[in-house]
Amino acid sequence: MTGTGVLGAATIAIVVCMGLSLIRSIAGPTVFDRILAVNSFGTKTVLLIALIGYLSGRPDFLDLALVYALMNFVGTVAAMKFTRFGDLAGVEDDDSEEIF
C-alpha cells in the first residue's frame, strides 16, 4: 500500500469513528455521555482537519486544527460545569451546607 493509500484509509477510519461518536451523542444514556461523545467528535474533527491539510499540502490547516481543539476543550469544560452546577460561575450560596 502506498503512502497515499494509507492516509486515505486513515481518513476513512476517522470518518467512521466520527459517525460512531455521533451515534453515541444522540443515544447517550446520560447528558455526560452525550457531552463526552461530542468532545470525542470534536477531537476526531481536529484529526481530520490536520490529515486533510497534510494530504493537500497546506500546513496552515494545522493552525486551524489547533484553534478548533482549543475551542472544543473550552466548550466541553463549560458544558460540563453548566451541567454540574447550573451556571458557569459555580458560585455556591452561603446558606447551603452541602457536604460531599
N, C-alpha and C. Protein backbone atom coordinates (compact mmCIF):
# COMPACT_ATOMS: atom_id res chain seq x y z
N MET A 1 0.85 -1.18 0.00
CA MET A 1 0.00 0.00 0.00
C MET A 1 0.89 1.24 0.00
N THR A 2 0.55 2.20 -0.80
CA THR A 2 1.36 3.41 -0.87
C THR A 2 1.03 4.34 0.28
N GLY A 3 1.82 5.39 0.41
CA GLY A 3 1.60 6.35 1.48
C GLY A 3 0.25 7.03 1.38
N THR A 4 -0.16 7.35 0.16
CA THR A 4 -1.46 7.99 -0.04
C THR A 4 -2.59 7.03 0.29
N GLY A 5 -2.40 5.74 -0.02
CA GLY A 5 -3.43 4.75 0.31
C GLY A 5 -3.61 4.60 1.80
N VAL A 6 -2.50 4.64 2.53
CA VAL A 6 -2.57 4.54 4.00
C VAL A 6 -3.28 5.76 4.57
N LEU A 7 -2.95 6.94 4.03
CA LEU A 7 -3.61 8.15 4.52
C LEU A 7 -5.09 8.17 4.16
N GLY A 8 -5.43 7.63 2.99
CA GLY A 8 -6.84 7.53 2.62
C GLY A 8 -7.59 6.58 3.54
N ALA A 9 -6.94 5.47 3.89
CA ALA A 9 -7.56 4.52 4.83
C ALA A 9 -7.72 5.16 6.21
N ALA A 10 -6.74 5.96 6.62
CA ALA A 10 -6.84 6.65 7.91
C ALA A 10 -7.99 7.66 7.90
N THR A 11 -8.16 8.33 6.78
CA THR A 11 -9.27 9.29 6.66
C THR A 11 -10.61 8.57 6.78
N ILE A 12 -10.74 7.44 6.11
CA ILE A 12 -11.99 6.67 6.20
C ILE A 12 -12.22 6.17 7.62
N ALA A 13 -11.17 5.73 8.29
CA ALA A 13 -11.30 5.25 9.68
C ALA A 13 -11.74 6.38 10.61
N ILE A 14 -11.19 7.57 10.41
CA ILE A 14 -11.57 8.71 11.24
C ILE A 14 -13.03 9.07 11.01
N VAL A 15 -13.47 9.04 9.76
CA VAL A 15 -14.87 9.37 9.46
C VAL A 15 -15.82 8.33 10.07
N VAL A 16 -15.43 7.05 10.04
CA VAL A 16 -16.25 6.01 10.68
C VAL A 16 -16.34 6.24 12.19
N CYS A 17 -15.20 6.57 12.81
CA CYS A 17 -15.21 6.85 14.25
C CYS A 17 -16.04 8.09 14.58
N MET A 18 -16.02 9.06 13.69
CA MET A 18 -16.86 10.25 13.89
C MET A 18 -18.34 9.87 13.84
N GLY A 19 -18.69 8.98 12.94
CA GLY A 19 -20.07 8.52 12.87
C GLY A 19 -20.49 7.79 14.14
N LEU A 20 -19.60 6.96 14.67
CA LEU A 20 -19.91 6.26 15.92
C LEU A 20 -20.05 7.23 17.09
N SER A 21 -19.21 8.25 17.12
CA SER A 21 -19.33 9.27 18.17
C SER A 21 -20.64 10.03 18.05
N LEU A 22 -21.04 10.29 16.82
CA LEU A 22 -22.31 10.99 16.60
C LEU A 22 -23.49 10.15 17.06
N ILE A 23 -23.43 8.85 16.81
CA ILE A 23 -24.49 7.95 17.29
C ILE A 23 -24.54 7.95 18.81
N ARG A 24 -23.37 7.91 19.46
CA ARG A 24 -23.33 7.92 20.93
C ARG A 24 -23.85 9.25 21.47
N SER A 25 -23.58 10.35 20.77
CA SER A 25 -24.06 11.64 21.27
C SER A 25 -25.58 11.76 21.17
N ILE A 26 -26.18 11.04 20.24
CA ILE A 26 -27.64 11.06 20.11
C ILE A 26 -28.28 10.08 21.09
N ALA A 27 -27.69 8.89 21.24
CA ALA A 27 -28.31 7.83 22.03
C ALA A 27 -27.72 7.69 23.44
N GLY A 28 -26.87 8.63 23.85
CA GLY A 28 -26.23 8.50 25.15
C GLY A 28 -27.24 8.43 26.28
N PRO A 29 -27.02 7.54 27.25
CA PRO A 29 -28.00 7.42 28.34
C PRO A 29 -28.02 8.64 29.26
N THR A 30 -26.89 9.31 29.45
CA THR A 30 -26.87 10.48 30.32
C THR A 30 -26.34 11.68 29.54
N VAL A 31 -26.54 12.85 30.11
CA VAL A 31 -26.06 14.07 29.47
C VAL A 31 -24.53 14.10 29.45
N PHE A 32 -23.90 13.51 30.45
CA PHE A 32 -22.44 13.48 30.47
C PHE A 32 -21.88 12.61 29.35
N ASP A 33 -22.54 11.50 29.06
CA ASP A 33 -22.13 10.67 27.93
C ASP A 33 -22.26 11.43 26.62
N ARG A 34 -23.30 12.20 26.49
CA ARG A 34 -23.51 12.97 25.27
C ARG A 34 -22.46 14.06 25.11
N ILE A 35 -22.13 14.74 26.20
CA ILE A 35 -21.11 15.79 26.14
C ILE A 35 -19.76 15.21 25.79
N LEU A 36 -19.41 14.09 26.39
CA LEU A 36 -18.12 13.47 26.08
C LEU A 36 -18.09 12.91 24.67
N ALA A 37 -19.21 12.46 24.14
CA ALA A 37 -19.26 12.00 22.75
C ALA A 37 -19.06 13.17 21.80
N VAL A 38 -19.65 14.31 22.11
CA VAL A 38 -19.44 15.50 21.28
C VAL A 38 -17.99 15.95 21.36
N ASN A 39 -17.37 15.84 22.54
CA ASN A 39 -15.96 16.17 22.68
C ASN A 39 -15.10 15.23 21.84
N SER A 40 -15.44 13.95 21.86
CA SER A 40 -14.72 12.98 21.03
C SER A 40 -14.90 13.29 19.55
N PHE A 41 -16.10 13.68 19.16
CA PHE A 41 -16.35 14.07 17.77
C PHE A 41 -15.48 15.26 17.38
N GLY A 42 -15.37 16.22 18.29
CA GLY A 42 -14.53 17.39 18.02
C GLY A 42 -13.06 17.03 17.90
N THR A 43 -12.60 16.10 18.73
CA THR A 43 -11.21 15.66 18.65
C THR A 43 -10.94 14.97 17.31
N LYS A 44 -11.87 14.16 16.88
CA LYS A 44 -11.70 13.49 15.59
C LYS A 44 -11.79 14.48 14.43
N THR A 45 -12.55 15.55 14.61
CA THR A 45 -12.59 16.61 13.61
C THR A 45 -11.24 17.29 13.49
N VAL A 46 -10.58 17.51 14.63
CA VAL A 46 -9.23 18.09 14.62
C VAL A 46 -8.27 17.17 13.85
N LEU A 47 -8.35 15.88 14.11
CA LEU A 47 -7.51 14.93 13.38
C LEU A 47 -7.81 14.96 11.88
N LEU A 48 -9.07 15.04 11.52
CA LEU A 48 -9.45 15.06 10.12
C LEU A 48 -8.96 16.33 9.43
N ILE A 49 -9.08 17.47 10.09
CA ILE A 49 -8.58 18.73 9.51
C ILE A 49 -7.07 18.65 9.30
N ALA A 50 -6.34 18.13 10.28
CA ALA A 50 -4.89 18.01 10.15
C ALA A 50 -4.52 17.05 9.02
N LEU A 51 -5.24 15.95 8.91
CA LEU A 51 -4.95 14.97 7.87
C LEU A 51 -5.27 15.52 6.48
N ILE A 52 -6.37 16.23 6.34
CA ILE A 52 -6.70 16.83 5.05
C ILE A 52 -5.68 17.91 4.69
N GLY A 53 -5.23 18.66 5.69
CA GLY A 53 -4.19 19.65 5.44
C GLY A 53 -2.90 19.02 4.96
N TYR A 54 -2.55 17.88 5.53
CA TYR A 54 -1.35 17.17 5.11
C TYR A 54 -1.51 16.61 3.70
N LEU A 55 -2.67 16.04 3.41
CA LEU A 55 -2.90 15.46 2.08
C LEU A 55 -2.92 16.53 0.98
N SER A 56 -3.43 17.70 1.31
CA SER A 56 -3.50 18.76 0.31
C SER A 56 -2.22 19.59 0.25
N GLY A 57 -1.29 19.34 1.16
CA GLY A 57 -0.03 20.08 1.16
C GLY A 57 -0.14 21.49 1.70
N ARG A 58 -1.10 21.72 2.54
CA ARG A 58 -1.29 23.05 3.14
C ARG A 58 -1.09 22.96 4.64
N PRO A 59 0.09 23.29 5.13
CA PRO A 59 0.37 23.17 6.56
C PRO A 59 -0.38 24.20 7.42
N ASP A 60 -0.97 25.21 6.79
CA ASP A 60 -1.72 26.18 7.58
C ASP A 60 -3.02 25.59 8.14
N PHE A 61 -3.44 24.44 7.63
CA PHE A 61 -4.61 23.77 8.22
C PHE A 61 -4.33 23.32 9.65
N LEU A 62 -3.07 23.10 9.98
CA LEU A 62 -2.73 22.69 11.35
C LEU A 62 -3.06 23.79 12.34
N ASP A 63 -2.87 25.04 11.94
CA ASP A 63 -3.25 26.16 12.81
C ASP A 63 -4.76 26.16 13.06
N LEU A 64 -5.52 25.92 12.01
CA LEU A 64 -6.98 25.84 12.18
C LEU A 64 -7.37 24.69 13.10
N ALA A 65 -6.68 23.57 12.96
CA ALA A 65 -6.97 22.41 13.80
C ALA A 65 -6.67 22.72 15.27
N LEU A 66 -5.58 23.42 15.53
CA LEU A 66 -5.23 23.76 16.92
C LEU A 66 -6.24 24.73 17.53
N VAL A 67 -6.69 25.71 16.76
CA VAL A 67 -7.70 26.64 17.26
C VAL A 67 -9.00 25.90 17.55
N TYR A 68 -9.38 24.99 16.66
CA TYR A 68 -10.59 24.21 16.87
C TYR A 68 -10.46 23.32 18.11
N ALA A 69 -9.26 22.77 18.34
CA ALA A 69 -9.05 21.93 19.52
C ALA A 69 -9.20 22.75 20.80
N LEU A 70 -8.69 23.97 20.81
CA LEU A 70 -8.84 24.82 22.00
C LEU A 70 -10.30 25.19 22.23
N MET A 71 -11.01 25.52 21.17
CA MET A 71 -12.44 25.84 21.32
C MET A 71 -13.22 24.62 21.79
N ASN A 72 -12.86 23.45 21.30
CA ASN A 72 -13.52 22.21 21.72
C ASN A 72 -13.29 21.96 23.20
N PHE A 73 -12.07 22.14 23.67
CA PHE A 73 -11.76 21.92 25.08
C PHE A 73 -12.51 22.90 25.98
N VAL A 74 -12.46 24.18 25.65
CA VAL A 74 -13.14 25.18 26.47
C VAL A 74 -14.65 24.95 26.47
N GLY A 75 -15.21 24.62 25.32
CA GLY A 75 -16.64 24.35 25.24
C GLY A 75 -17.06 23.14 26.06
N THR A 76 -16.23 22.10 26.05
CA THR A 76 -16.55 20.91 26.83
C THR A 76 -16.49 21.20 28.33
N VAL A 77 -15.47 21.92 28.76
CA VAL A 77 -15.38 22.27 30.18
C VAL A 77 -16.56 23.14 30.60
N ALA A 78 -16.93 24.10 29.76
CA ALA A 78 -18.07 24.96 30.09
C ALA A 78 -19.37 24.17 30.14
N ALA A 79 -19.57 23.26 29.20
CA ALA A 79 -20.80 22.46 29.20
C ALA A 79 -20.87 21.54 30.41
N MET A 80 -19.74 20.93 30.78
CA MET A 80 -19.73 20.06 31.95
C MET A 80 -20.00 20.86 33.23
N LYS A 81 -19.39 22.06 33.32
CA LYS A 81 -19.60 22.88 34.50
C LYS A 81 -21.05 23.36 34.58
N PHE A 82 -21.62 23.74 33.44
CA PHE A 82 -23.00 24.18 33.44
C PHE A 82 -23.94 23.05 33.81
N THR A 83 -23.64 21.85 33.33
CA THR A 83 -24.48 20.69 33.66
C THR A 83 -24.37 20.35 35.14
N ARG A 84 -23.20 20.48 35.69
CA ARG A 84 -22.97 20.10 37.08
C ARG A 84 -23.55 21.13 38.05
N PHE A 85 -23.30 22.44 37.80
CA PHE A 85 -23.66 23.47 38.77
C PHE A 85 -24.89 24.29 38.37
N GLY A 86 -25.30 24.25 37.13
CA GLY A 86 -26.46 25.02 36.71
C GLY A 86 -26.13 26.42 36.26
N ASP A 87 -24.89 26.86 36.45
CA ASP A 87 -24.42 28.13 35.92
C ASP A 87 -22.93 28.01 35.66
N LEU A 88 -22.39 28.97 34.96
CA LEU A 88 -20.97 28.90 34.62
C LEU A 88 -20.08 29.50 35.68
N ALA A 89 -20.66 30.28 36.60
CA ALA A 89 -19.84 30.89 37.65
C ALA A 89 -19.46 29.87 38.71
N GLY A 90 -20.35 28.96 39.02
CA GLY A 90 -20.06 27.93 40.01
C GLY A 90 -20.03 28.44 41.43
N VAL A 91 -20.62 29.62 41.65
CA VAL A 91 -20.64 30.20 42.98
C VAL A 91 -21.78 29.57 43.76
N GLU A 92 -21.46 29.03 44.92
CA GLU A 92 -22.48 28.41 45.75
C GLU A 92 -23.04 29.42 46.73
N ASP A 93 -24.28 29.19 47.14
CA ASP A 93 -24.90 30.06 48.13
C ASP A 93 -24.23 29.86 49.48
N ASP A 94 -24.21 30.92 50.30
CA ASP A 94 -23.64 30.81 51.62
C ASP A 94 -24.52 30.01 52.55
N ASP A 95 -25.84 29.96 52.24
CA ASP A 95 -26.78 29.24 53.10
C ASP A 95 -26.69 27.73 52.92
N SER A 96 -26.23 27.28 51.80
CA SER A 96 -26.22 25.83 51.55
C SER A 96 -25.02 25.21 52.25
N GLU A 97 -25.27 24.07 52.86
CA GLU A 97 -24.23 23.35 53.56
C GLU A 97 -24.13 21.94 53.01
N GLU A 98 -23.79 21.87 51.73
CA GLU A 98 -23.66 20.56 51.10
C GLU A 98 -22.29 19.97 51.45
N ILE A 99 -22.32 18.73 51.86
CA ILE A 99 -21.08 18.02 52.16
C ILE A 99 -21.00 16.86 51.19
N PHE A 100 -19.87 16.79 50.51
CA PHE A 100 -19.69 15.72 49.52
C PHE A 100 -19.00 14.56 50.15
